[in-house]
Amino acid sequence: MTVAHEEELALQIDVAQWQWLRPHAERGALVLIDTMLELAVVGACFAADNSVQVQGWLASGLLVKPTAAQLDLWNSQPDKCFSMLVISPFVLIQERDD
């Protein structure tokens, strides 16, 4: 993982409404990233298959699969926006304040 790779991934971060992300949730591909982490850094670790770092974040709760309660809430707010980054087969998302 290099800074250049993180910068390249940062340029790929986009904003998506929940209604666009829902199909990825249905196939179990969404990973919710805590706002304490930078999405591009997490994406770079996923892309580099840095399982030690990813497992550490999972263990600390900084990376999670959305809960049923979160999915229900977001389903009631289809226009809710998230920052998102695709690192196939995963879609990494972060909640936005706006």
PDB file of N, CA and C in Angstrom:
ATOM      1  N   MET A   1       0.853  -1.175   0.000  1.00  0.00           N
ATOM      2  CA  MET A   1       0.000   0.000   0.000  1.00  0.00           C
ATOM      3  C   MET A   1       0.898   1.237   0.000  1.00  0.00           C
ATOM      4  N   THR A   2       0.629   2.140  -0.921  1.00  0.00           N
ATOM      5  CA  THR A   2       1.423   3.354  -1.020  1.00  0.00           C
ATOM      6  C   THR A   2       0.521   4.570  -0.905  1.00  0.00           C
ATOM      7  N   VAL A   3       1.129   5.683  -0.600  1.00  0.00           N
ATOM      8  CA  VAL A   3       0.382   6.939  -0.525  1.00  0.00           C
ATOM      9  C   VAL A   3      -0.243   7.246  -1.881  1.00  0.00           C
ATOM     10  N   ALA A   4       0.486   6.972  -2.961  1.00  0.00           N
ATOM     11  CA  ALA A   4      -0.044   7.220  -4.305  1.00  0.00           C
ATOM     12  C   ALA A   4      -1.307   6.399  -4.543  1.00  0.00           C
ATOM     13  N   HIS A   5      -1.303   5.153  -4.071  1.00  0.00           N
ATOM     14  CA  HIS A   5      -2.486   4.310  -4.239  1.00  0.00           C
ATOM     15  C   HIS A   5      -3.658   4.870  -3.443  1.00  0.00           C
ATOM     16  N   GLU A   6      -3.398   5.338  -2.226  1.00  0.00           N
ATOM     17  CA  GLU A   6      -4.446   5.964  -1.416  1.00  0.00           C
ATOM     18  C   GLU A   6      -4.993   7.202  -2.114  1.00  0.00           C
ATOM     19  N   GLU A   7      -4.109   8.011  -2.693  1.00  0.00           N
ATOM     20  CA  GLU A   7      -4.541   9.218  -3.392  1.00  0.00           C
ATOM     21  C   GLU A   7      -5.385   8.863  -4.609  1.00  0.00           C
ATOM     22  N   GLU A   8      -4.999   7.814  -5.317  1.00  0.00           N
ATOM     23  CA  GLU A   8      -5.766   7.357  -6.478  1.00  0.00           C
ATOM     24  C   GLU A   8      -7.161   6.901  -6.045  1.00  0.00           C
ATOM     25  N   LEU A   9      -7.221   6.155  -4.951  1.00  0.00           N
ATOM     26  CA  LEU A   9      -8.513   5.699  -4.445  1.00  0.00           C
ATOM     27  C   LEU A   9      -9.354   6.863  -3.933  1.00  0.00           C
ATOM     28  N   ALA A  10      -8.712   7.864  -3.336  1.00  0.00           N
ATOM     29  CA  ALA A  10      -9.452   9.032  -2.845  1.00  0.00           C
ATOM     30  C   ALA A  10     -10.197   9.723  -3.980  1.00  0.00           C
ATOM     31  N   LEU A  11      -9.613   9.704  -5.164  1.00  0.00           N
ATOM     32  CA  LEU A  11     -10.272  10.313  -6.327  1.00  0.00           C
ATOM     33  C   LEU A  11     -11.484   9.497  -6.794  1.00  0.00           C
ATOM     34  N   GLN A  12     -11.552   8.237  -6.385  1.00  0.00           N
ATOM     35  CA  GLN A  12     -12.660   7.366  -6.788  1.00  0.00           C
ATOM     36  C   GLN A  12     -13.827   7.394  -5.791  1.00  0.00           C
ATOM     37  N   ILE A  13     -13.638   8.044  -4.657  1.00  0.00           N
ATOM     38  CA  ILE A  13     -14.724   8.131  -3.670  1.00  0.00           C
ATOM     39  C   ILE A  13     -15.834   8.981  -4.251  1.00  0.00           C
ATOM     40  N   ASP A  14     -17.050   8.495  -4.101  1.00  0.00           N
ATOM     41  CA  ASP A  14     -18.217   9.181  -4.654  1.00  0.00           C
ATOM     42  C   ASP A  14     -19.283   9.271  -3.577  1.00  0.00           C
ATOM     43  N   VAL A  15     -20.344   9.958  -3.883  1.00  0.00           N
ATOM     44  CA  VAL A  15     -21.502  10.056  -2.998  1.00  0.00           C
ATOM     45  C   VAL A  15     -22.628   9.257  -3.642  1.00  0.00           C
ATOM     46  N   ALA A  16     -23.294   8.437  -2.823  1.00  0.00           N
ATOM     47  CA  ALA A  16     -24.397   7.620  -3.336  1.00  0.00           C
ATOM     48  C   ALA A  16     -25.554   7.653  -2.361  1.00  0.00           C
ATOM     49  N   GLN A  17     -26.741   7.706  -2.911  1.00  0.00           N
ATOM     50  CA  GLN A  17     -27.948   7.626  -2.093  1.00  0.00           C
ATOM     51  C   GLN A  17     -28.181   6.180  -1.689  1.00  0.00           C
ATOM     52  N   TRP A  18     -28.836   6.004  -0.551  1.00  0.00           N
ATOM     53  CA  TRP A  18     -29.109   4.664  -0.048  1.00  0.00           C
ATOM     54  C   TRP A  18     -29.817   3.799  -1.081  1.00  0.00           C
ATOM     55  N   GLN A  19     -30.775   4.367  -1.794  1.00  0.00           N
ATOM     56  CA  GLN A  19     -31.525   3.562  -2.758  1.00  0.00           C
ATOM     57  C   GLN A  19     -30.605   2.936  -3.806  1.00  0.00           C
ATOM     58  N   TRP A  20     -29.467   3.573  -4.091  1.00  0.00           N
ATOM     59  CA  TRP A  20     -28.511   3.015  -5.054  1.00  0.00           C
ATOM     60  C   TRP A  20     -27.643   1.942  -4.417  1.00  0.00           C
ATOM     61  N   LEU A  21     -27.473   2.026  -3.102  1.00  0.00           N
ATOM     62  CA  LEU A  21     -26.615   1.077  -2.385  1.00  0.00           C
ATOM     63  C   LEU A  21     -27.363  -0.169  -1.924  1.00  0.00           C
ATOM     64  N   ARG A  22     -28.676  -0.069  -1.823  1.00  0.00           N
ATOM     65  CA  ARG A  22     -29.495  -1.169  -1.296  1.00  0.00           C
ATOM     66  C   ARG A  22     -29.208  -2.515  -1.972  1.00  0.00           C
ATOM     67  N   PRO A  23     -29.096  -2.583  -3.303  1.00  0.00           N
ATOM     68  CA  PRO A  23     -28.803  -3.891  -3.921  1.00  0.00           C
ATOM     69  C   PRO A  23     -27.498  -4.519  -3.420  1.00  0.00           C
ATOM     70  N   HIS A  24     -26.511  -3.690  -3.106  1.00  0.00           N
ATOM     71  CA  HIS A  24     -25.247  -4.215  -2.587  1.00  0.00           C
ATOM     72  C   HIS A  24     -25.429  -4.760  -1.171  1.00  0.00           C
ATOM     73  N   ALA A  25     -26.301  -4.112  -0.404  1.00  0.00           N
ATOM     74  CA  ALA A  25     -26.622  -4.618   0.937  1.00  0.00           C
ATOM     75  C   ALA A  25     -27.315  -5.970   0.837  1.00  0.00           C
ATOM     76  N   GLU A  26     -28.210  -6.093  -0.128  1.00  0.00           N
ATOM     77  CA  GLU A  26     -28.958  -7.338  -0.299  1.00  0.00           C
ATOM     78  C   GLU A  26     -28.046  -8.508  -0.655  1.00  0.00           C
ATOM     79  N   ARG A  27     -26.926  -8.242  -1.310  1.00  0.00           N
ATOM     80  CA  ARG A  27     -25.988  -9.327  -1.649  1.00  0.00           C
ATOM     81  C   ARG A  27     -24.870  -9.447  -0.623  1.00  0.00           C
ATOM     82  N   GLY A  28     -24.965  -8.671   0.479  1.00  0.00           N
ATOM     83  CA  GLY A  28     -24.002  -8.793   1.572  1.00  0.00           C
ATOM     84  C   GLY A  28     -22.654  -8.170   1.299  1.00  0.00           C
ATOM     85  N   ALA A  29     -22.585  -7.217   0.375  1.00  0.00           N
ATOM     86  CA  ALA A  29     -21.302  -6.653  -0.029  1.00  0.00           C
ATOM     87  C   ALA A  29     -20.965  -5.325   0.641  1.00  0.00           C
ATOM     88  N   LEU A  30     -21.875  -4.759   1.429  1.00  0.00           N
ATOM     89  CA  LEU A  30     -21.600  -3.466   2.061  1.00  0.00           C
ATOM     90  C   LEU A  30     -20.772  -3.629   3.322  1.00  0.00           C
ATOM     91  N   VAL A  31     -19.805  -2.735   3.475  1.00  0.00           N
ATOM     92  CA  VAL A  31     -19.012  -2.657   4.702  1.00  0.00           C
ATOM     93  C   VAL A  31     -19.096  -1.208   5.161  1.00  0.00           C
ATOM     94  N   LEU A  32     -19.600  -1.004   6.373  1.00  0.00           N
ATOM     95  CA  LEU A  32     -19.741   0.325   6.940  1.00  0.00           C
ATOM     96  C   LEU A  32     -18.442   0.701   7.651  1.00  0.00           C
ATOM     97  N   ILE A  33     -17.868   1.825   7.269  1.00  0.00           N
ATOM     98  CA  ILE A  33     -16.588   2.288   7.783  1.00  0.00           C
ATOM     99  C   ILE A  33     -16.853   3.424   8.776  1.00  0.00           C
ATOM    100  N   ASP A  34     -16.313   3.307   9.968  1.00  0.00           N
ATOM    101  CA  ASP A  34     -16.450   4.357  10.971  1.00  0.00           C
ATOM    102  C   ASP A  34     -15.825   5.651  10.444  1.00  0.00           C
ATOM    103  N   THR A  35     -16.418   6.772  10.803  1.00  0.00           N
ATOM    104  CA  THR A  35     -15.915   8.057  10.319  1.00  0.00           C
ATOM    105  C   THR A  35     -14.559   8.431  10.922  1.00  0.00           C
ATOM    106  N   MET A  36     -14.096   7.664  11.912  1.00  0.00           N
ATOM    107  CA  MET A  36     -12.750   7.895  12.446  1.00  0.00           C
ATOM    108  C   MET A  36     -11.671   7.479  11.452  1.00  0.00           C
ATOM    109  N   LEU A  37     -12.045   6.653  10.471  1.00  0.00           N
ATOM    110  CA  LEU A  37     -11.100   6.163   9.470  1.00  0.00           C
ATOM    111  C   LEU A  37     -11.297   6.903   8.156  1.00  0.00           C
ATOM    112  N   GLU A  38     -10.214   6.996   7.387  1.00  0.00           N
ATOM    113  CA  GLU A  38     -10.307   7.576   6.052  1.00  0.00           C
ATOM    114  C   GLU A  38     -10.688   6.467   5.074  1.00  0.00           C
ATOM    115  N   LEU A  39     -11.695   6.743   4.282  1.00  0.00           N
ATOM    116  CA  LEU A  39     -12.218   5.748   3.350  1.00  0.00           C
ATOM    117  C   LEU A  39     -11.142   5.263   2.373  1.00  0.00           C
ATOM    118  N   ALA A  40     -10.314   6.168   1.875  1.00  0.00           N
ATOM    119  CA  ALA A  40      -9.267   5.768   0.922  1.00  0.00           C
ATOM    120  C   ALA A  40      -8.225   4.867   1.576  1.00  0.00           C
ATOM    121  N   VAL A  41      -7.901   5.109   2.835  1.00  0.00           N
ATOM    122  CA  VAL A  41      -6.930   4.268   3.549  1.00  0.00           C
ATOM    123  C   VAL A  41      -7.493   2.860   3.715  1.00  0.00           C
ATOM    124  N   VAL A  42      -8.752   2.779   4.115  1.00  0.00           N
ATOM    125  CA  VAL A  42      -9.396   1.468   4.268  1.00  0.00           C
ATOM    126  C   VAL A  42      -9.460   0.765   2.918  1.00  0.00           C
ATOM    127  N   GLY A  43      -9.839   1.504   1.893  1.00  0.00           N
ATOM    128  CA  GLY A  43      -9.899   0.927   0.550  1.00  0.00           C
ATOM    129  C   GLY A  43      -8.558   0.388   0.095  1.00  0.00           C
ATOM    130  N   ALA A  44      -7.499   1.117   0.388  1.00  0.00           N
ATOM    131  CA  ALA A  44      -6.157   0.664   0.004  1.00  0.00           C
ATOM    132  C   ALA A  44      -5.794  -0.628   0.724  1.00  0.00           C
ATOM    133  N   CYS A  45      -6.192  -0.746   1.982  1.00  0.00           N
ATOM    134  CA  CYS A  45      -5.918  -1.986   2.727  1.00  0.00           C
ATOM    135  C   CYS A  45      -6.713  -3.155   2.154  1.00  0.00           C
ATOM    136  N   PHE A  46      -7.973  -2.903   1.778  1.00  0.00           N
ATOM    137  CA  PHE A  46      -8.765  -3.955   1.139  1.00  0.00           C
ATOM    138  C   PHE A  46      -8.124  -4.354  -0.183  1.00  0.00           C
ATOM    139  N   ALA A  47      -7.742  -3.374  -0.990  1.00  0.00           N
ATOM    140  CA  ALA A  47      -7.169  -3.659  -2.308  1.00  0.00           C
ATOM    141  C   ALA A  47      -5.847  -4.407  -2.202  1.00  0.00           C
ATOM    142  N   ALA A  48      -5.067  -4.103  -1.168  1.00  0.00           N
ATOM    143  CA  ALA A  48      -3.776  -4.761  -0.972  1.00  0.00           C
ATOM    144  C   ALA A  48      -3.906  -6.074  -0.213  1.00  0.00           C
ATOM    145  N   ASP A  49      -5.131  -6.450   0.142  1.00  0.00           N
ATOM    146  CA  ASP A  49      -5.405  -7.661   0.910  1.00  0.00           C
ATOM    147  C   ASP A  49      -4.612  -7.671   2.217  1.00  0.00           C
ATOM    148  N   ASN A  50      -4.606  -6.502   2.872  1.00  0.00           N
ATOM    149  CA  ASN A  50      -3.920  -6.356   4.157  1.00  0.00           C
ATOM    150  C   ASN A  50      -4.853  -6.866   5.252  1.00  0.00           C
ATOM    151  N   SER A  51      -4.916  -8.183   5.360  1.00  0.00           N
ATOM    152  CA  SER A  51      -5.884  -8.796   6.272  1.00  0.00           C
ATOM    153  C   SER A  51      -5.595  -8.497   7.733  1.00  0.00           C
ATOM    154  N   VAL A  52      -4.344  -8.291   8.096  1.00  0.00           N
ATOM    155  CA  VAL A  52      -4.007  -7.977   9.489  1.00  0.00           C
ATOM    156  C   VAL A  52      -4.659  -6.661   9.891  1.00  0.00           C
ATOM    157  N   GLN A  53      -4.496  -5.625   9.063  1.00  0.00           N
ATOM    158  CA  GLN A  53      -5.082  -4.318   9.375  1.00  0.00           C
ATOM    159  C   GLN A  53      -6.610  -4.398   9.355  1.00  0.00           C
ATOM    160  N   VAL A  54      -7.167  -5.032   8.318  1.00  0.00           N
ATOM    161  CA  VAL A  54      -8.629  -5.134   8.199  1.00  0.00           C
ATOM    162  C   VAL A  54      -9.201  -5.899   9.387  1.00  0.00           C
ATOM    163  N   GLN A  55      -8.563  -7.002   9.771  1.00  0.00           N
ATOM    164  CA  GLN A  55      -9.043  -7.769  10.923  1.00  0.00           C
ATOM    165  C   GLN A  55      -8.981  -6.941  12.206  1.00  0.00           C
ATOM    166  N   GLY A  56      -7.955  -6.119  12.337  1.00  0.00           N
ATOM    167  CA  GLY A  56      -7.850  -5.239  13.496  1.00  0.00           C
ATOM    168  C   GLY A  56      -8.999  -4.253  13.564  1.00  0.00           C
ATOM    169  N   TRP A  57      -9.337  -3.666  12.420  1.00  0.00           N
ATOM    170  CA  TRP A  57     -10.467  -2.730  12.383  1.00  0.00           C
ATOM    171  C   TRP A  57     -11.782  -3.445  12.660  1.00  0.00           C
ATOM    172  N   LEU A  58     -11.923  -4.657  12.114  1.00  0.00           N
ATOM    173  CA  LEU A  58     -13.137  -5.437  12.382  1.00  0.00           C
ATOM    174  C   LEU A  58     -13.265  -5.742  13.875  1.00  0.00           C
ATOM    175  N   ALA A  59     -12.169  -6.160  14.474  1.00  0.00           N
ATOM    176  CA  ALA A  59     -12.173  -6.512  15.894  1.00  0.00           C
ATOM    177  C   ALA A  59     -12.511  -5.311  16.772  1.00  0.00           C
ATOM    178  N   SER A  60     -12.092  -4.127  16.343  1.00  0.00           N
ATOM    179  CA  SER A  60     -12.346  -2.924  17.139  1.00  0.00           C
ATOM    180  C   SER A  60     -13.698  -2.285  16.822  1.00  0.00           C
ATOM    181  N   GLY A  61     -14.408  -2.838  15.847  1.00  0.00           N
ATOM    182  CA  GLY A  61     -15.722  -2.306  15.493  1.00  0.00           C
ATOM    183  C   GLY A  61     -15.684  -1.105  14.569  1.00  0.00           C
ATOM    184  N   LEU A  62     -14.517  -0.796  14.017  1.00  0.00           N
ATOM    185  CA  LEU A  62     -14.419   0.335  13.095  1.00  0.00           C
ATOM    186  C   LEU A  62     -14.892  -0.020  11.690  1.00  0.00           C
ATOM    187  N   LEU A  63     -14.953  -1.311  11.383  1.00  0.00           N
ATOM    188  CA  LEU A  63     -15.539  -1.834  10.142  1.00  0.00           C
ATOM    189  C   LEU A  63     -16.606  -2.828  10.564  1.00  0.00           C
ATOM    190  N   VAL A  64     -17.803  -2.668  10.006  1.00  0.00           N
ATOM    191  CA  VAL A  64     -18.891  -3.591  10.340  1.00  0.00           C
ATOM    192  C   VAL A  64     -19.789  -3.793   9.128  1.00  0.00           C
ATOM    193  N   LYS A  65     -20.493  -4.901   9.149  1.00  0.00           N
ATOM    194  CA  LYS A  65     -21.605  -5.071   8.214  1.00  0.00           C
ATOM    195  C   LYS A  65     -22.774  -4.310   8.822  1.00  0.00           C
ATOM    196  N   PRO A  66     -23.572  -3.611   8.014  1.00  0.00           N
ATOM    197  CA  PRO A  66     -24.718  -2.895   8.578  1.00  0.00           C
ATOM    198  C   PRO A  66     -25.659  -3.851   9.313  1.00  0.00           C
ATOM    199  N   THR A  67     -26.189  -3.374  10.431  1.00  0.00           N
ATOM    200  CA  THR A  67     -27.131  -4.171  11.218  1.00  0.00           C
ATOM    201  C   THR A  67     -28.516  -4.115  10.588  1.00  0.00           C
ATOM    202  N   ALA A  68     -29.372  -5.019  11.004  1.00  0.00           N
ATOM    203  CA  ALA A  68     -30.758  -5.020  10.518  1.00  0.00           C
ATOM    204  C   ALA A  68     -31.435  -3.697  10.871  1.00  0.00           C
ATOM    205  N   ALA A  69     -31.157  -3.159  12.063  1.00  0.00           N
ATOM    206  CA  ALA A  69     -31.761  -1.884  12.469  1.00  0.00           C
ATOM    207  C   ALA A  69     -31.275  -0.742  11.563  1.00  0.00           C
ATOM    208  N   GLN A  70     -30.000  -0.733  11.234  1.00  0.00           N
ATOM    209  CA  GLN A  70     -29.486   0.303  10.325  1.00  0.00           C
ATOM    210  C   GLN A  70     -30.129   0.172   8.951  1.00  0.00           C
ATOM    211  N   LEU A  71     -30.211  -1.055   8.447  1.00  0.00           N
ATOM    212  CA  LEU A  71     -30.828  -1.266   7.134  1.00  0.00           C
ATOM    213  C   LEU A  71     -32.277  -0.810   7.126  1.00  0.00           C
ATOM    214  N   ASP A  72     -33.014  -1.111   8.181  1.00  0.00           N
ATOM    215  CA  ASP A  72     -34.414  -0.663   8.276  1.00  0.00           C
ATOM    216  C   ASP A  72     -34.498   0.858   8.272  1.00  0.00           C
ATOM    217  N   LEU A  73     -33.629   1.511   9.041  1.00  0.00           N
ATOM    218  CA  LEU A  73     -33.622   2.972   9.091  1.00  0.00           C
ATOM    219  C   LEU A  73     -33.298   3.551   7.722  1.00  0.00           C
ATOM    220  N   TRP A  74     -32.266   3.044   7.083  1.00  0.00           N
ATOM    221  CA  TRP A  74     -31.874   3.557   5.770  1.00  0.00           C
ATOM    222  C   TRP A  74     -32.934   3.276   4.714  1.00  0.00           C
ATOM    223  N   ASN A  75     -33.618   2.130   4.829  1.00  0.00           N
ATOM    224  CA  ASN A  75     -34.691   1.834   3.881  1.00  0.00           C
ATOM    225  C   ASN A  75     -35.823   2.853   3.988  1.00  0.00           C
ATOM    226  N   SER A  76     -35.979   3.444   5.177  1.00  0.00           N
ATOM    227  CA  SER A  76     -37.021   4.462   5.352  1.00  0.00           C
ATOM    228  C   SER A  76     -36.526   5.845   4.903  1.00  0.00           C
ATOM    229  N   GLN A  77     -35.243   5.942   4.551  1.00  0.00           N
ATOM    230  CA  GLN A  77     -34.634   7.192   4.098  1.00  0.00           C
ATOM    231  C   GLN A  77     -33.887   6.952   2.782  1.00  0.00           C
ATOM    232  N   PRO A  78     -34.594   6.645   1.694  1.00  0.00           N
ATOM    233  CA  PRO A  78     -33.911   6.255   0.453  1.00  0.00           C
ATOM    234  C   PRO A  78     -32.998   7.329  -0.128  1.00  0.00           C
ATOM    235  N   ASP A  79     -33.187   8.596   0.262  1.00  0.00           N
ATOM    236  CA  ASP A  79     -32.342   9.667  -0.256  1.00  0.00           C
ATOM    237  C   ASP A  79     -31.123   9.960   0.627  1.00  0.00           C
ATOM    238  N   LYS A  80     -30.983   9.211   1.727  1.00  0.00           N
ATOM    239  CA  LYS A  80     -29.831   9.398   2.618  1.00  0.00           C
ATOM    240  C   LYS A  80     -28.546   9.165   1.815  1.00  0.00           C
ATOM    241  N   CYS A  81     -27.566  10.046   2.017  1.00  0.00           N
ATOM    242  CA  CYS A  81     -26.320   9.966   1.241  1.00  0.00           C
ATOM    243  C   CYS A  81     -25.175   9.377   2.051  1.00  0.00           C
ATOM    244  N   PHE A  82     -24.344   8.642   1.360  1.00  0.00           N
ATOM    245  CA  PHE A  82     -23.150   8.010   1.917  1.00  0.00           C
ATOM    246  C   PHE A  82     -21.968   8.320   1.009  1.00  0.00           C
ATOM    247  N   SER A  83     -20.792   8.391   1.599  1.00  0.00           N
ATOM    248  CA  SER A  83     -19.576   8.350   0.798  1.00  0.00           C
ATOM    249  C   SER A  83     -19.341   6.877   0.505  1.00  0.00           C
ATOM    250  N   MET A  84     -18.897   6.583  -0.707  1.00  0.00           N
ATOM    251  CA  MET A  84     -18.721   5.178  -1.061  1.00  0.00           C
ATOM    252  C   MET A  84     -17.516   4.986  -1.958  1.00  0.00           C
ATOM    253  N   LEU A  85     -16.945   3.781  -1.827  1.00  0.00           N
ATOM    254  CA  LEU A  85     -15.795   3.390  -2.622  1.00  0.00           C
ATOM    255  C   LEU A  85     -15.933   1.907  -2.926  1.00  0.00           C
ATOM    256  N   VAL A  86     -15.855   1.564  -4.198  1.00  0.00           N
ATOM    257  CA  VAL A  86     -15.965   0.176  -4.605  1.00  0.00           C
ATOM    258  C   VAL A  86     -14.571  -0.448  -4.646  1.00  0.00           C
ATOM    259  N   ILE A  87     -14.399  -1.491  -3.852  1.00  0.00           N
ATOM    260  CA  ILE A  87     -13.200  -2.345  -3.895  1.00  0.00           C
ATOM    261  C   ILE A  87     -13.770  -3.755  -4.066  1.00  0.00           C
ATOM    262  N   SER A  88     -13.956  -4.133  -5.303  1.00  0.00           N
ATOM    263  CA  SER A  88     -14.667  -5.356  -5.638  1.00  0.00           C
ATOM    264  C   SER A  88     -14.118  -6.558  -4.871  1.00  0.00           C
ATOM    265  N   PRO A  89     -14.981  -7.358  -4.293  1.00  0.00           N
ATOM    266  CA  PRO A  89     -16.442  -7.406  -4.425  1.00  0.00           C
ATOM    267  C   PRO A  89     -17.181  -6.555  -3.389  1.00  0.00           C
ATOM    268  N   PHE A  90     -16.447  -5.719  -2.646  1.00  0.00           N
ATOM    269  CA  PHE A  90     -17.066  -4.949  -1.572  1.00  0.00           C
ATOM    270  C   PHE A  90     -17.391  -3.526  -2.002  1.00  0.00           C
ATOM    271  N   VAL A  91     -18.372  -2.953  -1.324  1.00  0.00           N
ATOM    272  CA  VAL A  91     -18.686  -1.537  -1.443  1.00  0.00           C
ATOM    273  C   VAL A  91     -18.516  -0.963  -0.044  1.00  0.00           C
ATOM    274  N   LEU A  92     -17.513  -0.117   0.110  1.00  0.00           N
ATOM    275  CA  LEU A  92     -17.213   0.494   1.398  1.00  0.00           C
ATOM    276  C   LEU A  92     -18.015   1.786   1.505  1.00  0.00           C
ATOM    277  N   ILE A  93     -18.713   1.969   2.629  1.00  0.00           N
ATOM    278  CA  ILE A  93     -19.542   3.164   2.779  1.00  0.00           C
ATOM    279  C   ILE A  93     -19.261   3.832   4.113  1.00  0.00           C
ATOM    280  N   GLN A  94     -19.483   5.137   4.138  1.00  0.00           N
ATOM    281  CA  GLN A  94     -19.436   5.936   5.352  1.00  0.00           C
ATOM    282  C   GLN A  94     -20.656   6.828   5.367  1.00  0.00           C
ATOM    283  N   GLU A  95     -21.276   6.938   6.539  1.00  0.00           N
ATOM    284  CA  GLU A  95     -22.409   7.856   6.662  1.00  0.00           C
ATOM    285  C   GLU A  95     -21.900   9.284   6.535  1.00  0.00           C
ATOM    286  N   ARG A  96     -22.740  10.117   5.954  1.00  0.00           N
ATOM    287  CA  ARG A  96     -22.433  11.539   5.786  1.00  0.00           C
ATOM    288  C   ARG A  96     -23.358  12.336   6.684  1.00  0.00           C
ATOM    289  N   ASP A  97     -22.876  13.494   7.115  1.00  0.00           N
ATOM    290  CA  ASP A  97     -23.680  14.351   7.979  1.00  0.00           C
ATOM    291  C   ASP A  97     -24.686  15.192   7.221  1.00  0.00           C
ATOM    292  N   ASP A  98     -24.492  15.345   5.910  1.00  0.00           N
ATOM    293  CA  ASP A  98     -25.383  16.248   5.160  1.00  0.00           C
ATOM    294  C   ASP A  98     -26.697  15.636   4.791  1.00  0.00           C
TER     295      ASP A  98
END
